């Protein structure tokens, strides 16, 4: 366990941002790569060397310039696409921003599913990218006021790619729900948690109707409304994840403490899901996590995370960790890191 201690604004989270960067080839804090560069500099460079459980190593490197040019490398070999990094470096980030998984809109929960599913399932990743491409093209045609006949080929592609994505997401949510249930028992959570996939395209459908047929019927039913609003109104881009605690919809009801706990449970489920699928322990990045949790939950969580995993933990103050003989403590001040 590596503990980074320092006042807010001195660079603790930047360390986690660096480590997490190679999970997808981008930052979790900003969509603009140029934001990673110090104000007085023209470029930045990141390099991380990873040793896997079989003792093999890989060195990930990235350079970003002010004009947006970005180069990614693994073991000195250029990576032409960010998607090539997916699944190579399993890490999970816990932090205050995770509250949006519960309190935020459906897009936050869809992003959680898509990032988790893409790490382990190439069909999921390809299906997601294909659906987004088709959706963008179809929305462009709607904005241009294209005739229904001209949209038919894109309707067919939307149905085809959308059904693949819904099927993959449904399977993923079922897996995540199982992992959450296991962690609820370990944490001795007071209330039962239920997680489900909310989609107009999730069956079963009556009279032997297939998902493809149902999707096509749904599109036909909103054709005039889509023409008026000039956007696609049916499809997995509008889906959500149902989060129920003690019979109540936690997205709308529940205390901040309950929402934080469920957000942690979702990240724990992501961790155990990735480890099961990839056969590799995740590196865990905990960004000021324990200040948001009560002492009893914090202690149980440390017990769960302790063991063979490597952890990077940030905190504004010194903290104790069970199994503390393997801890390393670093002081962070003005962007500089000093071993304590």
Foldseek 3Di string as FASTA:
>chain_A
DEEEAAAPPQCQVVVVQLLCCLQQVHGPPDPQRLVNDDPVDFKDKGWDWDQFPVRDIKIWMWMAGNVGDMWIDINNHTDPDSLVSQQVAFAFEADPVLLCCQQNDQVSVVVLLLSLLSNQDVLLVVLVVQLVVLQVVLLVCLVVLHDPVVCVVSLLSNLVSQVSNVVSSQVSQVLLQVQLQVVCVLLVPPWDKDKGKFFPLDDDDPPPDHSSRSSSVVCVVCVVVCSVVSHDDHGPVRIGMFIATNRDGSNVDDDSQVSLVVSVSSSSSSQVVSCVRSVTHHAYEYEQNPVSHDPSSVLSVLVVPDDDHHYYYYHNDDDDGPVRVPYWYWYGGNRDIHTD
